[in-house]
Amino acid sequence: MKIQFTGKAVKKLETTYTNKNKLLKLKYETDGCGCVLSGVTALWLIDPIDEDEDDIIIETNYQPILLEKSKMVFMDEEMTIDVVESANCFMLKSPNQILNPRLRLIEVGGTNGSKA
């Protein structure tokens, strides 16, 4: 699997979060979706202590990103994280499709991934 960040995405991440002790995680959220097939991706900032045993590390052109191994089936082999300036959010896309046109950046704090 290959994940790339555009230059605009790197710049936005570096100006948005200043806590360098956090890890990036591409999370496939299913809460409130009714079905695992109806999930949506989000970009989480997590504490290292909240790393899950199902997480794998994917190297990128920016910094490593965590991804749940069991949710890789919902991802494409090549993905890019870009910025949608008009919506002030990120976008997750691949050469084949847009996986999430409004990828949220969520800071998750504490143990067990509680959203802050």
C-alpha atoms as a PDB file:
ATOM      1  CA  MET A   1       0.000   0.000   0.000  1.00  0.00           C
ATOM      2  CA  LYS A   2       1.207   3.473  -0.876  1.00  0.00           C
ATOM      3  CA  ILE A   3      -0.037   6.691   0.750  1.00  0.00           C
ATOM      4  CA  GLN A   4       1.244  10.084  -0.386  1.00  0.00           C
ATOM      5  CA  PHE A   5       0.601  13.544   1.057  1.00  0.00           C
ATOM      6  CA  THR A   6       0.488  16.530  -1.279  1.00  0.00           C
ATOM      7  CA  GLY A   7       2.604  19.552  -0.422  1.00  0.00           C
ATOM      8  CA  LYS A   8      -0.557  21.464   0.570  1.00  0.00           C
ATOM      9  CA  ALA A   9      -1.601  18.648   2.909  1.00  0.00           C
ATOM     10  CA  VAL A  10       1.811  18.571   4.608  1.00  0.00           C
ATOM     11  CA  LYS A  11       1.743  22.338   5.090  1.00  0.00           C
ATOM     12  CA  LYS A  12      -1.792  22.239   6.537  1.00  0.00           C
ATOM     13  CA  LEU A  13      -0.900  19.396   8.905  1.00  0.00           C
ATOM     14  CA  GLU A  14       2.229  21.156  10.116  1.00  0.00           C
ATOM     15  CA  THR A  15       0.330  24.373  10.836  1.00  0.00           C
ATOM     16  CA  THR A  16      -2.763  22.647  12.262  1.00  0.00           C
ATOM     17  CA  TYR A  17      -1.245  20.382  14.861  1.00  0.00           C
ATOM     18  CA  THR A  18       1.767  21.307  16.897  1.00  0.00           C
ATOM     19  CA  ASN A  19       1.916  18.324  19.256  1.00  0.00           C
ATOM     20  CA  LYS A  20       4.604  16.252  17.555  1.00  0.00           C
ATOM     21  CA  ASN A  21       4.085  13.421  20.063  1.00  0.00           C
ATOM     22  CA  LYS A  22       0.873  12.445  18.277  1.00  0.00           C
ATOM     23  CA  LEU A  23       0.694   9.782  15.569  1.00  0.00           C
ATOM     24  CA  LEU A  24      -1.374  10.003  12.388  1.00  0.00           C
ATOM     25  CA  LYS A  25      -3.922   7.249  11.853  1.00  0.00           C
ATOM     26  CA  LEU A  26      -6.177   6.735   8.863  1.00  0.00           C
ATOM     27  CA  LYS A  27      -9.268   5.454  10.665  1.00  0.00           C
ATOM     28  CA  TYR A  28     -12.205   3.729   9.004  1.00  0.00           C
ATOM     29  CA  GLU A  29     -15.096   4.831  11.223  1.00  0.00           C
ATOM     30  CA  THR A  30     -18.311   2.813  11.345  1.00  0.00           C
ATOM     31  CA  ASP A  31     -19.924   4.368  14.450  1.00  0.00           C
ATOM     32  CA  GLY A  32     -23.471   5.420  13.596  1.00  0.00           C
ATOM     33  CA  CYS A  33     -23.229   4.073  10.055  1.00  0.00           C
ATOM     34  CA  GLY A  34     -25.348   0.983  10.693  1.00  0.00           C
ATOM     35  CA  CYS A  35     -23.051  -1.348   8.776  1.00  0.00           C
ATOM     36  CA  VAL A  36     -19.309  -1.842   8.421  1.00  0.00           C
ATOM     37  CA  LEU A  37     -19.716  -1.429   4.657  1.00  0.00           C
ATOM     38  CA  SER A  38     -21.073   2.097   5.216  1.00  0.00           C
ATOM     39  CA  GLY A  39     -18.009   3.424   7.013  1.00  0.00           C
ATOM     40  CA  VAL A  40     -16.158   6.645   6.354  1.00  0.00           C
ATOM     41  CA  THR A  41     -12.466   7.417   6.663  1.00  0.00           C
ATOM     42  CA  ALA A  42     -11.091  10.061   9.008  1.00  0.00           C
ATOM     43  CA  LEU A  43      -7.592  11.242   9.808  1.00  0.00           C
ATOM     44  CA  TRP A  44      -6.939  10.845  13.520  1.00  0.00           C
ATOM     45  CA  LEU A  45      -4.180  12.270  15.681  1.00  0.00           C
ATOM     46  CA  ILE A  46      -3.638   9.755  18.469  1.00  0.00           C
ATOM     47  CA  ASP A  47      -1.358   9.296  21.443  1.00  0.00           C
ATOM     48  CA  PRO A  48       1.151   6.467  20.985  1.00  0.00           C
ATOM     49  CA  ILE A  49      -0.485   4.688  23.918  1.00  0.00           C
ATOM     50  CA  ASP A  50      -3.725   4.460  21.895  1.00  0.00           C
ATOM     51  CA  GLU A  51      -2.100   2.447  19.114  1.00  0.00           C
ATOM     52  CA  ASP A  52      -4.210  -0.655  18.487  1.00  0.00           C
ATOM     53  CA  GLU A  53      -2.777  -4.162  18.042  1.00  0.00           C
ATOM     54  CA  ASP A  54      -4.588  -4.290  14.667  1.00  0.00           C
ATOM     55  CA  ASP A  55      -2.689  -1.185  13.458  1.00  0.00           C
ATOM     56  CA  ILE A  56       0.017  -1.473  10.859  1.00  0.00           C
ATOM     57  CA  ILE A  57       2.472   1.239   9.894  1.00  0.00           C
ATOM     58  CA  ILE A  58       2.435   2.568   6.347  1.00  0.00           C
ATOM     59  CA  GLU A  59       5.420   4.667   5.297  1.00  0.00           C
ATOM     60  CA  THR A  60       4.563   7.846   3.393  1.00  0.00           C
ATOM     61  CA  ASN A  61       6.410  10.781   1.866  1.00  0.00           C
ATOM     62  CA  TYR A  62       5.578  12.821   5.008  1.00  0.00           C
ATOM     63  CA  GLN A  63       5.548  10.624   8.099  1.00  0.00           C
ATOM     64  CA  PRO A  64       4.375   7.102   8.888  1.00  0.00           C
ATOM     65  CA  ILE A  65       0.630   6.655   9.207  1.00  0.00           C
ATOM     66  CA  LEU A  66      -1.239   3.931  11.076  1.00  0.00           C
ATOM     67  CA  LEU A  67      -3.946   1.916   9.397  1.00  0.00           C
ATOM     68  CA  GLU A  68      -6.124  -0.872  10.784  1.00  0.00           C
ATOM     69  CA  LYS A  69      -5.083  -4.076   9.057  1.00  0.00           C
ATOM     70  CA  SER A  70      -8.639  -5.432   9.198  1.00  0.00           C
ATOM     71  CA  LYS A  71      -9.956  -2.328   7.370  1.00  0.00           C
ATOM     72  CA  MET A  72      -7.445  -2.354   4.498  1.00  0.00           C
ATOM     73  CA  VAL A  73     -10.081  -4.010   2.312  1.00  0.00           C
ATOM     74  CA  PHE A  74     -11.915  -0.649   2.219  1.00  0.00           C
ATOM     75  CA  MET A  75      -8.828   1.224   0.999  1.00  0.00           C
ATOM     76  CA  ASP A  76      -7.163   1.415  -2.405  1.00  0.00           C
ATOM     77  CA  GLU A  77      -3.604   0.266  -3.078  1.00  0.00           C
ATOM     78  CA  GLU A  78      -2.462   3.824  -3.915  1.00  0.00           C
ATOM     79  CA  MET A  79      -3.968   6.804  -2.076  1.00  0.00           C
ATOM     80  CA  THR A  80      -3.261  10.509  -1.778  1.00  0.00           C
ATOM     81  CA  ILE A  81      -4.180  12.864   1.033  1.00  0.00           C
ATOM     82  CA  ASP A  82      -4.786  16.348  -0.343  1.00  0.00           C
ATOM     83  CA  VAL A  83      -6.444  19.574   0.818  1.00  0.00           C
ATOM     84  CA  VAL A  84      -9.819  20.986  -0.217  1.00  0.00           C
ATOM     85  CA  GLU A  85      -9.223  24.655   0.476  1.00  0.00           C
ATOM     86  CA  SER A  86     -12.819  25.749  -0.211  1.00  0.00           C
ATOM     87  CA  ALA A  87     -14.084  23.358   2.508  1.00  0.00           C
ATOM     88  CA  ASN A  88     -11.051  23.765   4.820  1.00  0.00           C
ATOM     89  CA  CYS A  89     -10.584  20.003   5.069  1.00  0.00           C
ATOM     90  CA  PHE A  90      -8.573  17.147   3.637  1.00  0.00           C
ATOM     91  CA  MET A  91      -9.471  14.729   0.843  1.00  0.00           C
ATOM     92  CA  LEU A  92      -8.578  11.054   0.482  1.00  0.00           C
ATOM     93  CA  LYS A  93      -8.367   9.968  -3.140  1.00  0.00           C
ATOM     94  CA  SER A  94      -6.857   7.308  -5.359  1.00  0.00           C
ATOM     95  CA  PRO A  95      -6.278   7.110  -9.107  1.00  0.00           C
ATOM     96  CA  ASN A  96      -9.646   5.291  -9.340  1.00  0.00           C
ATOM     97  CA  GLN A  97     -11.927   7.252  -7.032  1.00  0.00           C
ATOM     98  CA  ILE A  98     -12.413   9.801  -4.283  1.00  0.00           C
ATOM     99  CA  LEU A  99     -12.646   7.794  -1.078  1.00  0.00           C
ATOM    100  CA  ASN A 100     -13.569  10.763   1.129  1.00  0.00           C
ATOM    101  CA  PRO A 101     -13.989  14.285  -0.312  1.00  0.00           C
ATOM    102  CA  ARG A 102     -14.146  15.788   3.207  1.00  0.00           C
ATOM    103  CA  LEU A 103     -11.624  13.869   5.278  1.00  0.00           C
ATOM    104  CA  ARG A 104     -11.810  15.199   8.828  1.00  0.00           C
ATOM    105  CA  LEU A 105      -8.773  15.688  11.057  1.00  0.00           C
ATOM    106  CA  ILE A 106      -9.725  14.587  14.582  1.00  0.00           C
ATOM    107  CA  GLU A 107      -7.496  14.806  17.634  1.00  0.00           C
ATOM    108  CA  VAL A 108      -8.109  11.783  19.813  1.00  0.00           C
ATOM    109  CA  GLY A 109      -6.844  11.940  23.362  1.00  0.00           C
ATOM    110  CA  GLY A 110      -6.527   9.666  26.335  1.00  0.00           C
ATOM    111  CA  THR A 111      -6.606   5.913  26.280  1.00  0.00           C
ATOM    112  CA  ASN A 112      -8.929   3.835  24.146  1.00  0.00           C
ATOM    113  CA  GLY A 113      -9.261   6.523  21.484  1.00  0.00           C
ATOM    114  CA  SER A 114     -11.756   8.899  23.099  1.00  0.00           C
ATOM    115  CA  LYS A 115     -12.344  11.875  20.835  1.00  0.00           C
ATOM    116  CA  ALA A 116     -11.185  15.225  22.189  1.00  0.00           C
END
